[in-house]
Each structure stands twice: as structure tokens, then as C-alpha cells.
C-alpha atoms as a PDB file:
ATOM      1  CA  UNK A   1      92.593 111.142 106.485  1.00  0.00           C
ATOM      2  CA  UNK A   2      95.893 108.765 105.270  1.00  0.00           C
ATOM      3  CA  UNK A   3      98.345 107.835 107.873  1.00  0.00           C
ATOM      4  CA  UNK A   4      99.677 110.433 109.976  1.00  0.00           C
ATOM      5  CA  UNK A   5      98.491 113.565 107.419  1.00  0.00           C
ATOM      6  CA  UNK A   6      94.473 114.397 108.887  1.00  0.00           C
ATOM      7  CA  UNK A   7      93.116 117.390 106.977  1.00  0.00           C
ATOM      8  CA  UNK A   8      90.633 119.116 107.900  1.00  0.00           C
ATOM      9  CA  UNK A   9      88.282 121.227 105.691  1.00  0.00           C
ATOM     10  CA  UNK A  10      85.463 123.229 107.697  1.00  0.00           C
ATOM     11  CA  UNK A  11      88.761 124.504 109.341  1.00  0.00           C
ATOM     12  CA  UNK A  12      90.926 124.279 106.245  1.00  0.00           C
ATOM     13  CA  UNK A  13      93.817 122.276 107.944  1.00  0.00           C
ATOM     14  CA  UNK A  14      95.997 119.300 107.822  1.00  0.00           C
ATOM     15  CA  UNK A  15      98.125 118.596 110.171  1.00  0.00           C
ATOM     16  CA  UNK A  16     100.827 115.615 110.743  1.00  0.00           C
ATOM     17  CA  UNK A  17     101.004 113.124 113.563  1.00  0.00           C
ATOM     18  CA  UNK A  18      99.076 115.947 115.249  1.00  0.00           C
ATOM     19  CA  UNK A  19     101.307 118.982 114.240  1.00  0.00           C
ATOM     20  CA  UNK A  20      99.534 121.611 112.251  1.00  0.00           C
ATOM     21  CA  UNK A  21     101.294 121.793 109.201  1.00  0.00           C
ATOM     22  CA  UNK A  22     101.290 125.813 107.835  1.00  0.00           C
ATOM     23  CA  UNK A  23     101.055 125.481 104.242  1.00  0.00           C
ATOM     24  CA  UNK A  24     100.742 128.202 101.409  1.00  0.00           C
ATOM     25  CA  UNK A  25      97.158 128.161 100.131  1.00  0.00           C
ATOM     26  CA  UNK A  26      98.635 126.655  97.098  1.00  0.00           C
ATOM     27  CA  UNK A  27     100.044 123.891  98.607  1.00  0.00           C
ATOM     28  CA  UNK A  28      96.962 122.784 101.169  1.00  0.00           C
ATOM     29  CA  UNK A  29      95.324 122.708  97.315  1.00  0.00           C
ATOM     30  CA  UNK A  30      98.000 120.302  96.314  1.00  0.00           C
ATOM     31  CA  UNK A  31      98.195 118.832  99.652  1.00  0.00           C
ATOM     32  CA  UNK A  32      94.445 117.862  99.339  1.00  0.00           C
ATOM     33  CA  UNK A  33      94.619 117.448  96.159  1.00  0.00           C
ATOM     34  CA  UNK A  34      97.230 114.338  96.560  1.00  0.00           C
ATOM     35  CA  UNK A  35      95.121 113.005 100.095  1.00  0.00           C
ATOM     36  CA  UNK A  36      92.469 112.394  97.680  1.00  0.00           C
ATOM     37  CA  UNK A  37      93.223 109.845  95.747  1.00  0.00           C
ATOM     38  CA  UNK A  38      96.177 108.903  98.282  1.00  0.00           C
ATOM     39  CA  UNK A  39      98.114 106.855  97.799  1.00  0.00           C
ATOM     40  CA  UNK A  40      96.972 105.887  94.523  1.00  0.00           C
ATOM     41  CA  UNK A  41      99.145 108.273  91.413  1.00  0.00           C
ATOM     42  CA  UNK A  42      98.293 111.266  90.720  1.00  0.00           C
ATOM     43  CA  UNK A  43     100.107 112.567  87.366  1.00  0.00           C
ATOM     44  CA  UNK A  44     101.423 116.090  86.812  1.00  0.00           C
ATOM     45  CA  UNK A  45      98.976 117.330  84.442  1.00  0.00           C
ATOM     46  CA  UNK A  46      96.133 116.023  86.780  1.00  0.00           C
ATOM     47  CA  UNK A  47      97.466 117.693  90.200  1.00  0.00           C
ATOM     48  CA  UNK A  48      98.000 121.233  87.562  1.00  0.00           C
ATOM     49  CA  UNK A  49      94.782 121.080  86.447  1.00  0.00           C
ATOM     50  CA  UNK A  50      93.257 120.769  89.964  1.00  0.00           C
ATOM     51  CA  UNK A  51      95.338 123.282  91.590  1.00  0.00           C
ATOM     52  CA  UNK A  52      95.361 125.971  89.670  1.00  0.00           C
ATOM     53  CA  UNK A  53      92.222 124.922  86.842  1.00  0.00           C
ATOM     54  CA  UNK A  54      92.389 124.738  82.854  1.00  0.00           C
ATOM     55  CA  UNK A  55      95.123 127.503  83.022  1.00  0.00           C
ATOM     56  CA  UNK A  56      98.623 126.044  84.203  1.00  0.00           C
ATOM     57  CA  UNK A  57     100.607 128.588  85.099  1.00  0.00           C
ATOM     58  CA  UNK A  58     103.397 129.143  81.950  1.00  0.00           C
ATOM     59  CA  UNK A  59     106.889 128.316  84.680  1.00  0.00           C
ATOM     60  CA  UNK A  60     107.630 125.787  86.549  1.00  0.00           C
ATOM     61  CA  UNK A  61     105.039 126.002  89.273  1.00  0.00           C
ATOM     62  CA  UNK A  62     104.078 123.536  90.892  1.00  0.00           C
ATOM     63  CA  UNK A  63     108.076 121.783  91.638  1.00  0.00           C
ATOM     64  CA  UNK A  64     108.577 125.356  93.117  1.00  0.00           C
ATOM     65  CA  UNK A  65     105.661 124.304  95.162  1.00  0.00           C
ATOM     66  CA  UNK A  66     106.288 120.943  95.943  1.00  0.00           C
ATOM     67  CA  UNK A  67     109.619 121.777  96.863  1.00  0.00           C
ATOM     68  CA  UNK A  68     107.716 123.701  99.228  1.00  0.00           C
ATOM     69  CA  UNK A  69     105.950 122.022 100.170  1.00  0.00           C
ATOM     70  CA  UNK A  70     107.937 119.305 101.555  1.00  0.00           C
ATOM     71  CA  UNK A  71     109.724 121.497 103.563  1.00  0.00           C
ATOM     72  CA  UNK A  72     106.780 122.070 105.332  1.00  0.00           C
ATOM     73  CA  UNK A  73     104.776 118.004 105.507  1.00  0.00           C
ATOM     74  CA  UNK A  74     108.500 115.634 105.127  1.00  0.00           C
ATOM     75  CA  UNK A  75     111.742 117.848 106.628  1.00  0.00           C
ATOM     76  CA  UNK A  76     110.070 117.978 110.009  1.00  0.00           C
ATOM     77  CA  UNK A  77     109.362 114.717 109.840  1.00  0.00           C
ATOM     78  CA  UNK A  78     111.448 110.579 110.558  1.00  0.00           C
ATOM     79  CA  UNK A  79     110.898 110.121 106.770  1.00  0.00           C
ATOM     80  CA  UNK A  80     108.559 111.307 103.712  1.00  0.00           C
ATOM     81  CA  UNK A  81     105.164 111.172 102.790  1.00  0.00           C
ATOM     82  CA  UNK A  82     106.035 112.919  99.303  1.00  0.00           C
ATOM     83  CA  UNK A  83     106.912 110.671  96.275  1.00  0.00           C
ATOM     84  CA  UNK A  84     108.069 111.766  92.984  1.00  0.00           C
ATOM     85  CA  UNK A  85     108.067 109.500  90.822  1.00  0.00           C
ATOM     86  CA  UNK A  86     110.019 111.039  88.036  1.00  0.00           C
ATOM     87  CA  UNK A  87     108.160 111.658  84.230  1.00  0.00           C
ATOM     88  CA  UNK A  88     105.120 110.496  85.605  1.00  0.00           C
ATOM     89  CA  UNK A  89     103.719 111.862  88.924  1.00  0.00           C
ATOM     90  CA  UNK A  90     103.923 112.472  93.193  1.00  0.00           C
ATOM     91  CA  UNK A  91     101.561 110.203  95.323  1.00  0.00           C
ATOM     92  CA  UNK A  92     101.879 109.749  99.033  1.00  0.00           C
ATOM     93  CA  UNK A  93     102.702 106.958 100.812  1.00  0.00           C
ATOM     94  CA  UNK A  94     102.524 105.466 104.536  1.00  0.00           C
ATOM     95  CA  UNK A  95     105.900 105.168 106.954  1.00  0.00           C
ATOM     96  CA  UNK A  96     105.997 101.652 106.484  1.00  0.00           C
ATOM     97  CA  UNK A  97     105.366 101.351 102.824  1.00  0.00           C
ATOM     98  CA  UNK A  98     109.105 100.545 101.135  1.00  0.00           C
ATOM     99  CA  UNK A  99     109.671 103.318  98.693  1.00  0.00           C
ATOM    100  CA  UNK A 100     108.970 101.932  95.019  1.00  0.00           C
ATOM    101  CA  UNK A 101     109.915 104.383  91.658  1.00  0.00           C
ATOM    102  CA  UNK A 102     107.376 103.078  90.304  1.00  0.00           C
ATOM    103  CA  UNK A 103     103.895 103.480  89.118  1.00  0.00           C
ATOM    104  CA  UNK A 104     101.764 102.387  91.640  1.00  0.00           C
END
């Protein structure tokens, strides 16, 4: 659990504020990895390793999956929880946390 996010690994479900999130399998793996380290930063490379192992895709697949994840995780709600730190990585933040663009 992190803030409004709750992970039920037993049934493979993640919810935000009690609302079940309809995630793709890759989106689920990305969000699970982010929740494991939250509120700390995870680098792009570390996130790719956790999602795809030692064979990350050649394309910019992570960016595409993050975009898709944001539509489900952040769009329906009044504030975002997924923060991108350009050139550094990603992290989850709490609703009352200031958006600090530097590494945590």
C-alpha cells in the first residue's frame, strides 16, 4: 500500500482510492515495481530490468507503457501520483507532497 494505492498481489489487482485500476499486464508490473520502492525514485534502467528482465525491448516501449499507465492511474483523479524525473527515472508521490522535480 502507498497512499491511495493498494496492491493485492494474491489476485493481481491494484486500486486507487478504492477504484480498481484496469491495467495491462505490463502496466501492472510497472506499477508494482514503483510501489515496491515508493516513495523513492527508480531509474529507467532499473524499471526496465524489473519489467523485462535482461532483455528490454529495443524500442522506447517503457515510455509508451508509462503513457498508457498514466491514463488509467492519474487521468480519472484530481491529482497525479506518477512523477517522471526527466533523464533520471520515475517515482510515486502522495497527494499532499509537493512536486519536487529533483531526485529523491
